[in-house]
Amino acid sequence: MAQTRQSNESWVVWLLLTAGINVLALIVIDWLFDSVGIQGFWSFFLGALALTVGNAILKPILALLTLPLIIFTFGLAYFAINVAMLALAEWVAPRFVIDGLWTYVGATIVVWFVNFALGLIFDRMQRD
């Protein structure tokens, strides 16, 4: 019982930390790209929450369902799933707009990089 409770608590902490990292990633893409518009706290919060839940639950299911396509396209289809997760966040959050395919591509790369870099930092902090 204690192990399950600790596991649930660590999952919630991971979810909150990931949502915080995604808020920061959305702030970066809003600042970096002129054709990204995110206005207000709730837009950042709901966009990050949709991105976090989409990446944690929906993306693995989609990746499993499209695994042959991912293999056939050497991972390009997986990148398209990442773009779709960002589009989901845009669709869920109010006053969150991304204009243009190349802006989606660039914003997806920036969100990935922010998540990757901060994930490394937090993993290193956890080990020490």
C-alpha atoms as a PDB file:
ATOM      1  CA  MET A   1       0.000   0.000   0.000  1.00  0.00           C
ATOM      2  CA  ALA A   2       2.783   2.438   0.924  1.00  0.00           C
ATOM      3  CA  GLN A   3       4.592   1.663  -2.335  1.00  0.00           C
ATOM      4  CA  THR A   4       1.471   2.408  -4.396  1.00  0.00           C
ATOM      5  CA  ARG A   5       0.886   5.682  -2.565  1.00  0.00           C
ATOM      6  CA  GLN A   6       4.504   6.726  -3.112  1.00  0.00           C
ATOM      7  CA  SER A   7       4.235   5.764  -6.768  1.00  0.00           C
ATOM      8  CA  ASN A   8       1.054   7.836  -7.185  1.00  0.00           C
ATOM      9  CA  GLU A   9       2.649  10.810  -5.432  1.00  0.00           C
ATOM     10  CA  SER A  10       5.756  10.648  -7.624  1.00  0.00           C
ATOM     11  CA  TRP A  11       3.552  10.487 -10.741  1.00  0.00           C
ATOM     12  CA  VAL A  12       1.647  13.588  -9.623  1.00  0.00           C
ATOM     13  CA  VAL A  13       4.932  15.405  -8.914  1.00  0.00           C
ATOM     14  CA  TRP A  14       6.204  14.390 -12.368  1.00  0.00           C
ATOM     15  CA  LEU A  15       2.956  15.606 -13.954  1.00  0.00           C
ATOM     16  CA  LEU A  16       3.140  18.991 -12.195  1.00  0.00           C
ATOM     17  CA  LEU A  17       6.824  19.413 -13.014  1.00  0.00           C
ATOM     18  CA  THR A  18       6.216  18.546 -16.657  1.00  0.00           C
ATOM     19  CA  ALA A  19       3.276  20.970 -16.814  1.00  0.00           C
ATOM     20  CA  GLY A  20       5.533  23.702 -15.381  1.00  0.00           C
ATOM     21  CA  ILE A  21       8.197  22.944 -17.969  1.00  0.00           C
ATOM     22  CA  ASN A  22       5.560  23.097 -20.697  1.00  0.00           C
ATOM     23  CA  VAL A  23       4.371  26.496 -19.420  1.00  0.00           C
ATOM     24  CA  LEU A  24       7.959  27.711 -19.769  1.00  0.00           C
ATOM     25  CA  ALA A  25       8.178  26.177 -23.262  1.00  0.00           C
ATOM     26  CA  LEU A  26       4.987  27.991 -24.288  1.00  0.00           C
ATOM     27  CA  ILE A  27       6.369  31.263 -22.910  1.00  0.00           C
ATOM     28  CA  VAL A  28       9.525  30.732 -25.000  1.00  0.00           C
ATOM     29  CA  ILE A  29       7.646  30.035 -28.240  1.00  0.00           C
ATOM     30  CA  ASP A  30       5.331  32.993 -27.604  1.00  0.00           C
ATOM     31  CA  TRP A  31       8.398  35.207 -27.206  1.00  0.00           C
ATOM     32  CA  LEU A  32      10.370  33.640 -30.063  1.00  0.00           C
ATOM     33  CA  PHE A  33       7.788  33.468 -32.870  1.00  0.00           C
ATOM     34  CA  ASP A  34       5.761  36.442 -34.100  1.00  0.00           C
ATOM     35  CA  SER A  35       3.051  34.165 -35.472  1.00  0.00           C
ATOM     36  CA  VAL A  36       2.408  32.537 -32.097  1.00  0.00           C
ATOM     37  CA  GLY A  37      -0.014  34.388 -29.875  1.00  0.00           C
ATOM     38  CA  ILE A  38      -0.743  33.279 -26.324  1.00  0.00           C
ATOM     39  CA  GLN A  39      -2.557  35.791 -24.150  1.00  0.00           C
ATOM     40  CA  GLY A  40      -3.251  35.423 -20.458  1.00  0.00           C
ATOM     41  CA  PHE A  41      -2.408  33.082 -17.621  1.00  0.00           C
ATOM     42  CA  TRP A  42      -5.204  30.599 -18.368  1.00  0.00           C
ATOM     43  CA  SER A  43      -4.118  30.239 -21.970  1.00  0.00           C
ATOM     44  CA  PHE A  44      -0.609  29.280 -20.862  1.00  0.00           C
ATOM     45  CA  PHE A  45      -1.937  27.020 -18.093  1.00  0.00           C
ATOM     46  CA  LEU A  46      -4.533  25.179 -20.196  1.00  0.00           C
ATOM     47  CA  GLY A  47      -2.158  24.904 -23.159  1.00  0.00           C
ATOM     48  CA  ALA A  48       0.552  23.407 -20.963  1.00  0.00           C
ATOM     49  CA  LEU A  49      -1.931  21.072 -19.289  1.00  0.00           C
ATOM     50  CA  ALA A  50      -3.220  19.856 -22.674  1.00  0.00           C
ATOM     51  CA  LEU A  51       0.358  19.407 -23.885  1.00  0.00           C
ATOM     52  CA  THR A  52       1.311  17.482 -20.746  1.00  0.00           C
ATOM     53  CA  VAL A  53      -1.703  15.172 -20.732  1.00  0.00           C
ATOM     54  CA  GLY A  54      -1.507  14.714 -24.501  1.00  0.00           C
ATOM     55  CA  ASN A  55       2.170  13.772 -24.324  1.00  0.00           C
ATOM     56  CA  ALA A  56       1.659  11.478 -21.330  1.00  0.00           C
ATOM     57  CA  ILE A  57      -1.465   9.630 -22.467  1.00  0.00           C
ATOM     58  CA  LEU A  58      -2.452  10.314 -26.064  1.00  0.00           C
ATOM     59  CA  LYS A  59       0.973  10.398 -27.738  1.00  0.00           C
ATOM     60  CA  PRO A  60       2.052   6.863 -26.676  1.00  0.00           C
ATOM     61  CA  ILE A  61      -1.253   5.460 -27.945  1.00  0.00           C
ATOM     62  CA  LEU A  62      -0.897   7.273 -31.279  1.00  0.00           C
ATOM     63  CA  ALA A  63       2.741   6.188 -31.558  1.00  0.00           C
ATOM     64  CA  LEU A  64       1.779   2.568 -31.013  1.00  0.00           C
ATOM     65  CA  LEU A  65      -1.048   2.748 -33.551  1.00  0.00           C
ATOM     66  CA  THR A  66       1.167   4.384 -36.169  1.00  0.00           C
ATOM     67  CA  LEU A  67       4.341   2.413 -35.443  1.00  0.00           C
ATOM     68  CA  PRO A  68       4.621   0.936 -38.966  1.00  0.00           C
ATOM     69  CA  LEU A  69       4.267   4.426 -40.445  1.00  0.00           C
ATOM     70  CA  ILE A  70       6.844   5.803 -37.990  1.00  0.00           C
ATOM     71  CA  ILE A  71       9.297   3.082 -39.018  1.00  0.00           C
ATOM     72  CA  PHE A  72       8.560   3.523 -42.728  1.00  0.00           C
ATOM     73  CA  THR A  73       9.104   7.315 -42.564  1.00  0.00           C
ATOM     74  CA  PHE A  74      12.205   7.012 -40.337  1.00  0.00           C
ATOM     75  CA  GLY A  75      10.512   8.909 -37.501  1.00  0.00           C
ATOM     76  CA  LEU A  76       8.967  11.729 -39.491  1.00  0.00           C
ATOM     77  CA  ALA A  77       5.486  10.493 -38.569  1.00  0.00           C
ATOM     78  CA  TYR A  78       6.487  10.676 -34.885  1.00  0.00           C
ATOM     79  CA  PHE A  79       7.421  14.323 -35.394  1.00  0.00           C
ATOM     80  CA  ALA A  80       3.980  14.828 -36.947  1.00  0.00           C
ATOM     81  CA  ILE A  81       2.460  13.386 -33.757  1.00  0.00           C
ATOM     82  CA  ASN A  82       4.433  15.977 -31.778  1.00  0.00           C
ATOM     83  CA  VAL A  83       3.052  18.721 -34.028  1.00  0.00           C
ATOM     84  CA  ALA A  84      -0.433  17.304 -33.435  1.00  0.00           C
ATOM     85  CA  MET A  85       0.091  17.506 -29.654  1.00  0.00           C
ATOM     86  CA  LEU A  86       0.939  21.198 -30.027  1.00  0.00           C
ATOM     87  CA  ALA A  87      -2.147  21.651 -32.211  1.00  0.00           C
ATOM     88  CA  LEU A  88      -4.212  19.971 -29.492  1.00  0.00           C
ATOM     89  CA  ALA A  89      -2.874  22.450 -26.945  1.00  0.00           C
ATOM     90  CA  GLU A  90      -3.773  25.308 -29.283  1.00  0.00           C
ATOM     91  CA  TRP A  91      -7.269  23.908 -29.783  1.00  0.00           C
ATOM     92  CA  VAL A  92      -7.928  23.442 -26.031  1.00  0.00           C
ATOM     93  CA  ALA A  93      -6.565  26.745 -24.745  1.00  0.00           C
ATOM     94  CA  PRO A  94      -8.425  29.999 -25.339  1.00  0.00           C
ATOM     95  CA  ARG A  95      -6.509  32.902 -26.920  1.00  0.00           C
ATOM     96  CA  PHE A  96      -3.757  30.572 -28.125  1.00  0.00           C
ATOM     97  CA  VAL A  97      -3.029  30.869 -31.852  1.00  0.00           C
ATOM     98  CA  ILE A  98      -0.281  29.438 -34.044  1.00  0.00           C
ATOM     99  CA  ASP A  99      -0.309  30.603 -37.677  1.00  0.00           C
ATOM    100  CA  GLY A 100       1.456  28.613 -40.373  1.00  0.00           C
ATOM    101  CA  LEU A 101       2.891  25.147 -40.854  1.00  0.00           C
ATOM    102  CA  TRP A 102       6.510  26.227 -40.453  1.00  0.00           C
ATOM    103  CA  THR A 103       5.664  28.001 -37.231  1.00  0.00           C
ATOM    104  CA  TYR A 104       4.209  24.712 -35.963  1.00  0.00           C
ATOM    105  CA  VAL A 105       7.396  22.918 -36.992  1.00  0.00           C
ATOM    106  CA  GLY A 106       9.668  25.494 -35.340  1.00  0.00           C
ATOM    107  CA  ALA A 107       7.518  25.718 -32.221  1.00  0.00           C
ATOM    108  CA  THR A 108       7.501  21.925 -31.888  1.00  0.00           C
ATOM    109  CA  ILE A 109      11.304  21.856 -32.070  1.00  0.00           C
ATOM    110  CA  VAL A 110      11.575  24.614 -29.450  1.00  0.00           C
ATOM    111  CA  VAL A 111       9.089  22.880 -27.119  1.00  0.00           C
ATOM    112  CA  TRP A 112      11.076  19.657 -27.508  1.00  0.00           C
ATOM    113  CA  PHE A 113      14.370  21.441 -26.789  1.00  0.00           C
ATOM    114  CA  VAL A 114      13.044  23.220 -23.666  1.00  0.00           C
ATOM    115  CA  ASN A 115      11.602  19.932 -22.367  1.00  0.00           C
ATOM    116  CA  PHE A 116      14.835  18.077 -23.149  1.00  0.00           C
ATOM    117  CA  ALA A 117      17.134  20.671 -21.553  1.00  0.00           C
ATOM    118  CA  LEU A 118      15.077  21.163 -18.403  1.00  0.00           C
ATOM    119  CA  GLY A 119      14.493  17.417 -18.138  1.00  0.00           C
ATOM    120  CA  LEU A 120      18.264  16.881 -18.085  1.00  0.00           C
ATOM    121  CA  ILE A 121      18.689  19.564 -15.443  1.00  0.00           C
ATOM    122  CA  PHE A 122      15.970  18.135 -13.189  1.00  0.00           C
ATOM    123  CA  ASP A 123      17.249  14.569 -13.647  1.00  0.00           C
ATOM    124  CA  ARG A 124      20.726  15.701 -12.640  1.00  0.00           C
ATOM    125  CA  MET A 125      19.327  17.556  -9.614  1.00  0.00           C
ATOM    126  CA  GLN A 126      17.365  14.458  -8.573  1.00  0.00           C
ATOM    127  CA  ARG A 127      20.463  12.252  -8.720  1.00  0.00           C
ATOM    128  CA  ASP A 128      22.542  14.615  -6.567  1.00  0.00           C
END
